[in-house]
Amino acid sequence: MRRRLLLTAGIASAATLAGCAGPRIAQYAAEKPVLDLRSYFNGTLDAYGVFTDRSGAVVKRFTVVMRCSWNGNDGVLDEDFVYSDGTRQKRIWRMKYLGNGQFSGTADDVVGEARGEQQGNAFRWGYTLRLPVDGRTWDVQFDDWMYLMDERVMLNKAEMSKFGIRLGEVTLSFVKRAP
């Protein structure tokens, strides 16, 4: 019994430490160019991405056209996805700038409210997305990181998980169209 208790405590401690081991948004505070999310996501952007499973194999490729606008602290990111299998999807984010680099957002397929923070060249965004999978829906958690490379290009890496188990990753590049 004691051995089982020690093993359980060890596993719990390891899981807790692993959860704390990831990067923090403050690490990017001094990075350049400085990201202004409201400025970058304003206008039309094209995005190119892949979804990889746990093993790193590409499961789907996709493109996105984003039409973005802000009115003061309220923003709309209207996304049209086209996947490599021919399927299409639309997501409209309704975003709010809360001050001090903090953002919130909602979309029809997001459970509750997304929360995010920008510092330096980075933006971290956490949310639960309701995904259709084989005729059912799964609520999947996203830990979404974006890094501004220059005035037109931003890279995005998002880890997907369910019940704390890593399902895969989305890698995406945004390219802002010239005005």
C-alpha atoms as a PDB file:
ATOM      1  CA  MET A   1       0.000   0.000   0.000  1.00  0.00           C
ATOM      2  CA  ARG A   2       2.796   2.394   0.925  1.00  0.00           C
ATOM      3  CA  ARG A   3       4.581   1.602  -2.340  1.00  0.00           C
ATOM      4  CA  ARG A   4       1.418   2.394  -4.346  1.00  0.00           C
ATOM      5  CA  LEU A   5       0.959   5.665  -2.468  1.00  0.00           C
ATOM      6  CA  LEU A   6       4.567   6.692  -3.173  1.00  0.00           C
ATOM      7  CA  LEU A   7       4.212   5.762  -6.846  1.00  0.00           C
ATOM      8  CA  THR A   8       0.989   7.784  -7.143  1.00  0.00           C
ATOM      9  CA  ALA A   9       2.600  10.774  -5.411  1.00  0.00           C
ATOM     10  CA  GLY A  10       5.615  10.515  -7.715  1.00  0.00           C
ATOM     11  CA  ILE A  11       3.471  10.463 -10.841  1.00  0.00           C
ATOM     12  CA  ALA A  12       1.401  13.422  -9.594  1.00  0.00           C
ATOM     13  CA  SER A  13       4.570  15.396  -8.815  1.00  0.00           C
ATOM     14  CA  ALA A  14       6.043  14.653 -12.232  1.00  0.00           C
ATOM     15  CA  ALA A  15       2.828  15.726 -13.958  1.00  0.00           C
ATOM     16  CA  THR A  16       2.736  18.946 -11.939  1.00  0.00           C
ATOM     17  CA  LEU A  17       6.363  19.751 -12.764  1.00  0.00           C
ATOM     18  CA  ALA A  18       5.832  18.971 -16.436  1.00  0.00           C
ATOM     19  CA  GLY A  19       2.904  21.400 -16.490  1.00  0.00           C
ATOM     20  CA  CYS A  20       5.136  24.134 -15.042  1.00  0.00           C
ATOM     21  CA  ALA A  21       8.039  23.482 -17.391  1.00  0.00           C
ATOM     22  CA  GLY A  22       6.615  25.265 -20.438  1.00  0.00           C
ATOM     23  CA  PRO A  23       7.464  28.761 -21.633  1.00  0.00           C
ATOM     24  CA  ARG A  24       5.861  31.820 -20.097  1.00  0.00           C
ATOM     25  CA  ILE A  25       4.710  34.841 -22.097  1.00  0.00           C
ATOM     26  CA  ALA A  26       6.960  37.145 -20.016  1.00  0.00           C
ATOM     27  CA  GLN A  27      10.016  35.426 -21.550  1.00  0.00           C
ATOM     28  CA  TYR A  28       9.260  37.255 -24.814  1.00  0.00           C
ATOM     29  CA  ALA A  29       8.734  40.765 -23.396  1.00  0.00           C
ATOM     30  CA  ALA A  30      11.993  42.123 -24.850  1.00  0.00           C
ATOM     31  CA  GLU A  31      11.696  40.376 -28.251  1.00  0.00           C
ATOM     32  CA  LYS A  32      11.363  42.443 -31.412  1.00  0.00           C
ATOM     33  CA  PRO A  33       9.501  43.314 -33.512  1.00  0.00           C
ATOM     34  CA  VAL A  34       6.865  44.189 -30.928  1.00  0.00           C
ATOM     35  CA  LEU A  35       3.491  42.660 -31.727  1.00  0.00           C
ATOM     36  CA  ASP A  36       0.406  44.854 -31.658  1.00  0.00           C
ATOM     37  CA  LEU A  37      -2.289  42.235 -32.169  1.00  0.00           C
ATOM     38  CA  ARG A  38      -4.945  44.805 -33.094  1.00  0.00           C
ATOM     39  CA  SER A  39      -2.722  46.281 -35.772  1.00  0.00           C
ATOM     40  CA  TYR A  40      -1.491  42.959 -37.171  1.00  0.00           C
ATOM     41  CA  PHE A  41      -4.965  41.390 -37.316  1.00  0.00           C
ATOM     42  CA  ASN A  42      -6.444  44.322 -39.217  1.00  0.00           C
ATOM     43  CA  GLY A  43      -7.051  43.860 -42.936  1.00  0.00           C
ATOM     44  CA  THR A  44      -6.817  40.645 -44.979  1.00  0.00           C
ATOM     45  CA  LEU A  45      -4.383  37.849 -44.183  1.00  0.00           C
ATOM     46  CA  ASP A  46      -3.614  34.510 -45.804  1.00  0.00           C
ATOM     47  CA  ALA A  47      -2.573  31.559 -43.664  1.00  0.00           C
ATOM     48  CA  TYR A  48      -1.084  28.165 -44.508  1.00  0.00           C
ATOM     49  CA  GLY A  49      -1.050  25.308 -42.038  1.00  0.00           C
ATOM     50  CA  VAL A  50      -0.813  21.643 -41.142  1.00  0.00           C
ATOM     51  CA  PHE A  51      -2.264  19.487 -38.406  1.00  0.00           C
ATOM     52  CA  THR A  52       0.107  16.801 -37.159  1.00  0.00           C
ATOM     53  CA  ASP A  53      -0.819  13.875 -34.930  1.00  0.00           C
ATOM     54  CA  ARG A  54       1.081  12.756 -31.805  1.00  0.00           C
ATOM     55  CA  SER A  55       3.731  11.022 -33.909  1.00  0.00           C
ATOM     56  CA  GLY A  56       4.367  14.156 -36.004  1.00  0.00           C
ATOM     57  CA  ALA A  57       2.701  12.824 -39.166  1.00  0.00           C
ATOM     58  CA  VAL A  58       0.781  15.417 -41.190  1.00  0.00           C
ATOM     59  CA  VAL A  59      -2.908  14.499 -41.029  1.00  0.00           C
ATOM     60  CA  LYS A  60      -4.356  17.542 -42.820  1.00  0.00           C
ATOM     61  CA  ARG A  61      -3.149  20.592 -44.677  1.00  0.00           C
ATOM     62  CA  PHE A  62      -5.220  23.762 -44.905  1.00  0.00           C
ATOM     63  CA  THR A  63      -5.350  27.375 -46.016  1.00  0.00           C
ATOM     64  CA  VAL A  64      -7.215  30.243 -44.399  1.00  0.00           C
ATOM     65  CA  VAL A  65      -8.316  33.645 -45.635  1.00  0.00           C
ATOM     66  CA  MET A  66      -8.865  36.028 -42.725  1.00  0.00           C
ATOM     67  CA  ARG A  67     -10.703  39.320 -42.928  1.00  0.00           C
ATOM     68  CA  CYS A  68     -10.004  41.236 -39.730  1.00  0.00           C
ATOM     69  CA  SER A  69     -11.194  44.558 -38.365  1.00  0.00           C
ATOM     70  CA  TRP A  70     -11.217  46.471 -35.092  1.00  0.00           C
ATOM     71  CA  ASN A  71     -13.488  49.165 -33.764  1.00  0.00           C
ATOM     72  CA  GLY A  72     -11.715  50.512 -30.702  1.00  0.00           C
ATOM     73  CA  ASN A  73     -11.190  47.553 -28.346  1.00  0.00           C
ATOM     74  CA  ASP A  74     -13.580  45.223 -30.204  1.00  0.00           C
ATOM     75  CA  GLY A  75     -12.344  43.078 -33.072  1.00  0.00           C
ATOM     76  CA  VAL A  76     -13.718  40.579 -35.580  1.00  0.00           C
ATOM     77  CA  LEU A  77     -11.531  37.902 -37.187  1.00  0.00           C
ATOM     78  CA  ASP A  78     -13.575  36.268 -39.957  1.00  0.00           C
ATOM     79  CA  GLU A  79     -11.782  33.050 -41.013  1.00  0.00           C
ATOM     80  CA  ASP A  80     -12.539  30.847 -44.045  1.00  0.00           C
ATOM     81  CA  PHE A  81     -10.710  27.484 -43.961  1.00  0.00           C
ATOM     82  CA  VAL A  82     -10.175  25.132 -46.921  1.00  0.00           C
ATOM     83  CA  TYR A  83      -8.741  21.697 -45.999  1.00  0.00           C
ATOM     84  CA  SER A  84      -6.708  19.325 -48.174  1.00  0.00           C
ATOM     85  CA  ASP A  85      -9.646  16.884 -48.285  1.00  0.00           C
ATOM     86  CA  GLY A  86     -11.868  19.596 -49.815  1.00  0.00           C
ATOM     87  CA  THR A  87     -13.885  20.394 -46.694  1.00  0.00           C
ATOM     88  CA  ARG A  88     -14.540  23.991 -45.742  1.00  0.00           C
ATOM     89  CA  GLN A  89     -15.096  25.660 -42.404  1.00  0.00           C
ATOM     90  CA  LYS A  90     -15.870  29.161 -41.166  1.00  0.00           C
ATOM     91  CA  ARG A  91     -15.000  30.615 -37.779  1.00  0.00           C
ATOM     92  CA  ILE A  92     -15.702  34.158 -36.680  1.00  0.00           C
ATOM     93  CA  TRP A  93     -13.791  35.316 -33.615  1.00  0.00           C
ATOM     94  CA  ARG A  94     -15.247  38.217 -31.649  1.00  0.00           C
ATOM     95  CA  MET A  95     -12.313  39.642 -29.716  1.00  0.00           C
ATOM     96  CA  LYS A  96     -11.966  42.219 -27.015  1.00  0.00           C
ATOM     97  CA  TYR A  97      -8.829  44.050 -25.911  1.00  0.00           C
ATOM     98  CA  LEU A  98      -8.932  44.243 -22.105  1.00  0.00           C
ATOM     99  CA  GLY A  99      -5.851  46.445 -21.606  1.00  0.00           C
ATOM    100  CA  ASN A 100      -2.288  45.621 -20.495  1.00  0.00           C
ATOM    101  CA  GLY A 101      -1.805  43.146 -23.373  1.00  0.00           C
ATOM    102  CA  GLN A 102      -4.813  41.033 -22.287  1.00  0.00           C
ATOM    103  CA  PHE A 103      -7.459  39.764 -24.728  1.00  0.00           C
ATOM    104  CA  SER A 104     -10.628  37.699 -24.581  1.00  0.00           C
ATOM    105  CA  GLY A 105     -12.531  36.111 -27.426  1.00  0.00           C
ATOM    106  CA  THR A 106     -15.479  33.989 -28.389  1.00  0.00           C
ATOM    107  CA  ALA A 107     -16.530  32.025 -31.467  1.00  0.00           C
ATOM    108  CA  ASP A 108     -19.471  29.716 -32.150  1.00  0.00           C
ATOM    109  CA  ASP A 109     -17.331  26.564 -31.840  1.00  0.00           C
ATOM    110  CA  VAL A 110     -15.344  27.774 -28.806  1.00  0.00           C
ATOM    111  CA  VAL A 111     -16.543  26.542 -25.419  1.00  0.00           C
ATOM    112  CA  GLY A 112     -16.746  29.499 -23.045  1.00  0.00           C
ATOM    113  CA  GLU A 113     -14.254  32.295 -23.478  1.00  0.00           C
ATOM    114  CA  ALA A 114     -10.724  32.286 -24.863  1.00  0.00           C
ATOM    115  CA  ARG A 115      -8.103  34.252 -22.941  1.00  0.00           C
ATOM    116  CA  GLY A 116      -4.806  35.570 -24.223  1.00  0.00           C
ATOM    117  CA  GLU A 117      -1.873  37.857 -23.530  1.00  0.00           C
ATOM    118  CA  GLN A 118       0.697  39.561 -25.741  1.00  0.00           C
ATOM    119  CA  GLN A 119       4.221  40.598 -24.741  1.00  0.00           C
ATOM    120  CA  GLY A 120       7.131  41.499 -26.991  1.00  0.00           C
ATOM    121  CA  ASN A 121       6.727  39.634 -30.290  1.00  0.00           C
ATOM    122  CA  ALA A 122       4.526  36.868 -28.816  1.00  0.00           C
ATOM    123  CA  PHE A 123       0.873  36.149 -28.130  1.00  0.00           C
ATOM    124  CA  ARG A 124      -0.389  33.191 -26.091  1.00  0.00           C
ATOM    125  CA  TRP A 125      -4.018  32.171 -26.486  1.00  0.00           C
ATOM    126  CA  GLY A 126      -5.803  29.415 -24.559  1.00  0.00           C
ATOM    127  CA  TYR A 127      -9.240  28.040 -25.374  1.00  0.00           C
ATOM    128  CA  THR A 128     -11.403  24.953 -25.758  1.00  0.00           C
ATOM    129  CA  LEU A 129     -12.582  24.211 -29.284  1.00  0.00           C
ATOM    130  CA  ARG A 130     -15.549  21.954 -30.062  1.00  0.00           C
ATOM    131  CA  LEU A 131     -14.327  19.809 -32.981  1.00  0.00           C
ATOM    132  CA  PRO A 132     -16.399  17.445 -35.137  1.00  0.00           C
ATOM    133  CA  VAL A 133     -14.682  14.019 -35.241  1.00  0.00           C
ATOM    134  CA  ASP A 134     -16.275  11.027 -37.021  1.00  0.00           C
ATOM    135  CA  GLY A 135     -19.859  12.158 -36.447  1.00  0.00           C
ATOM    136  CA  ARG A 136     -19.256  13.180 -32.809  1.00  0.00           C
ATOM    137  CA  THR A 137     -17.889  16.315 -31.217  1.00  0.00           C
ATOM    138  CA  TRP A 138     -14.850  16.555 -28.967  1.00  0.00           C
ATOM    139  CA  ASP A 139     -13.977  19.451 -26.687  1.00  0.00           C
ATOM    140  CA  VAL A 140     -10.241  19.921 -27.281  1.00  0.00           C
ATOM    141  CA  GLN A 141      -7.971  22.326 -25.416  1.00  0.00           C
ATOM    142  CA  PHE A 142      -5.624  24.570 -27.418  1.00  0.00           C
ATOM    143  CA  ASP A 143      -2.425  26.144 -26.111  1.00  0.00           C
ATOM    144  CA  ASP A 144      -1.836  28.539 -28.983  1.00  0.00           C
ATOM    145  CA  TRP A 145       1.393  30.566 -29.413  1.00  0.00           C
ATOM    146  CA  MET A 146       1.982  33.210 -32.099  1.00  0.00           C
ATOM    147  CA  TYR A 147       5.309  34.892 -32.890  1.00  0.00           C
ATOM    148  CA  LEU A 148       5.620  38.006 -35.044  1.00  0.00           C
ATOM    149  CA  MET A 149       8.547  37.603 -37.460  1.00  0.00           C
ATOM    150  CA  ASP A 150       8.250  40.908 -39.321  1.00  0.00           C
ATOM    151  CA  GLU A 151       5.491  43.352 -40.280  1.00  0.00           C
ATOM    152  CA  ARG A 152       3.826  40.809 -42.613  1.00  0.00           C
ATOM    153  CA  VAL A 153       4.647  37.308 -41.274  1.00  0.00           C
ATOM    154  CA  MET A 154       3.598  35.644 -38.038  1.00  0.00           C
ATOM    155  CA  LEU A 155       4.187  31.993 -37.097  1.00  0.00           C
ATOM    156  CA  ASN A 156       1.671  30.061 -35.015  1.00  0.00           C
ATOM    157  CA  LYS A 157       2.138  26.812 -33.100  1.00  0.00           C
ATOM    158  CA  ALA A 158      -0.754  25.322 -31.171  1.00  0.00           C
ATOM    159  CA  GLU A 159      -0.755  22.167 -29.088  1.00  0.00           C
ATOM    160  CA  MET A 160      -4.054  20.282 -28.894  1.00  0.00           C
ATOM    161  CA  SER A 161      -4.928  18.105 -25.899  1.00  0.00           C
ATOM    162  CA  LYS A 162      -7.853  16.339 -24.285  1.00  0.00           C
ATOM    163  CA  PHE A 163      -7.875  15.316 -20.613  1.00  0.00           C
ATOM    164  CA  GLY A 164      -4.260  16.545 -20.481  1.00  0.00           C
ATOM    165  CA  ILE A 165      -3.193  14.083 -23.194  1.00  0.00           C
ATOM    166  CA  ARG A 166      -1.445  15.622 -26.201  1.00  0.00           C
ATOM    167  CA  LEU A 167      -3.386  14.864 -29.395  1.00  0.00           C
ATOM    168  CA  GLY A 168      -1.284  16.763 -31.900  1.00  0.00           C
ATOM    169  CA  GLU A 169      -0.190  20.141 -33.082  1.00  0.00           C
ATOM    170  CA  VAL A 170      -1.260  22.824 -35.526  1.00  0.00           C
ATOM    171  CA  THR A 171       1.494  24.802 -37.265  1.00  0.00           C
ATOM    172  CA  LEU A 172       0.460  27.858 -39.226  1.00  0.00           C
ATOM    173  CA  SER A 173       2.035  30.833 -40.965  1.00  0.00           C
ATOM    174  CA  PHE A 174       0.105  34.075 -41.397  1.00  0.00           C
ATOM    175  CA  VAL A 175       0.986  36.478 -44.192  1.00  0.00           C
ATOM    176  CA  LYS A 176      -0.577  39.926 -44.098  1.00  0.00           C
ATOM    177  CA  ARG A 177      -1.595  41.245 -47.506  1.00  0.00           C
ATOM    178  CA  ALA A 178      -0.223  44.589 -48.567  1.00  0.00           C
ATOM    179  CA  PRO A 179      -2.844  47.355 -48.173  1.00  0.00           C
END
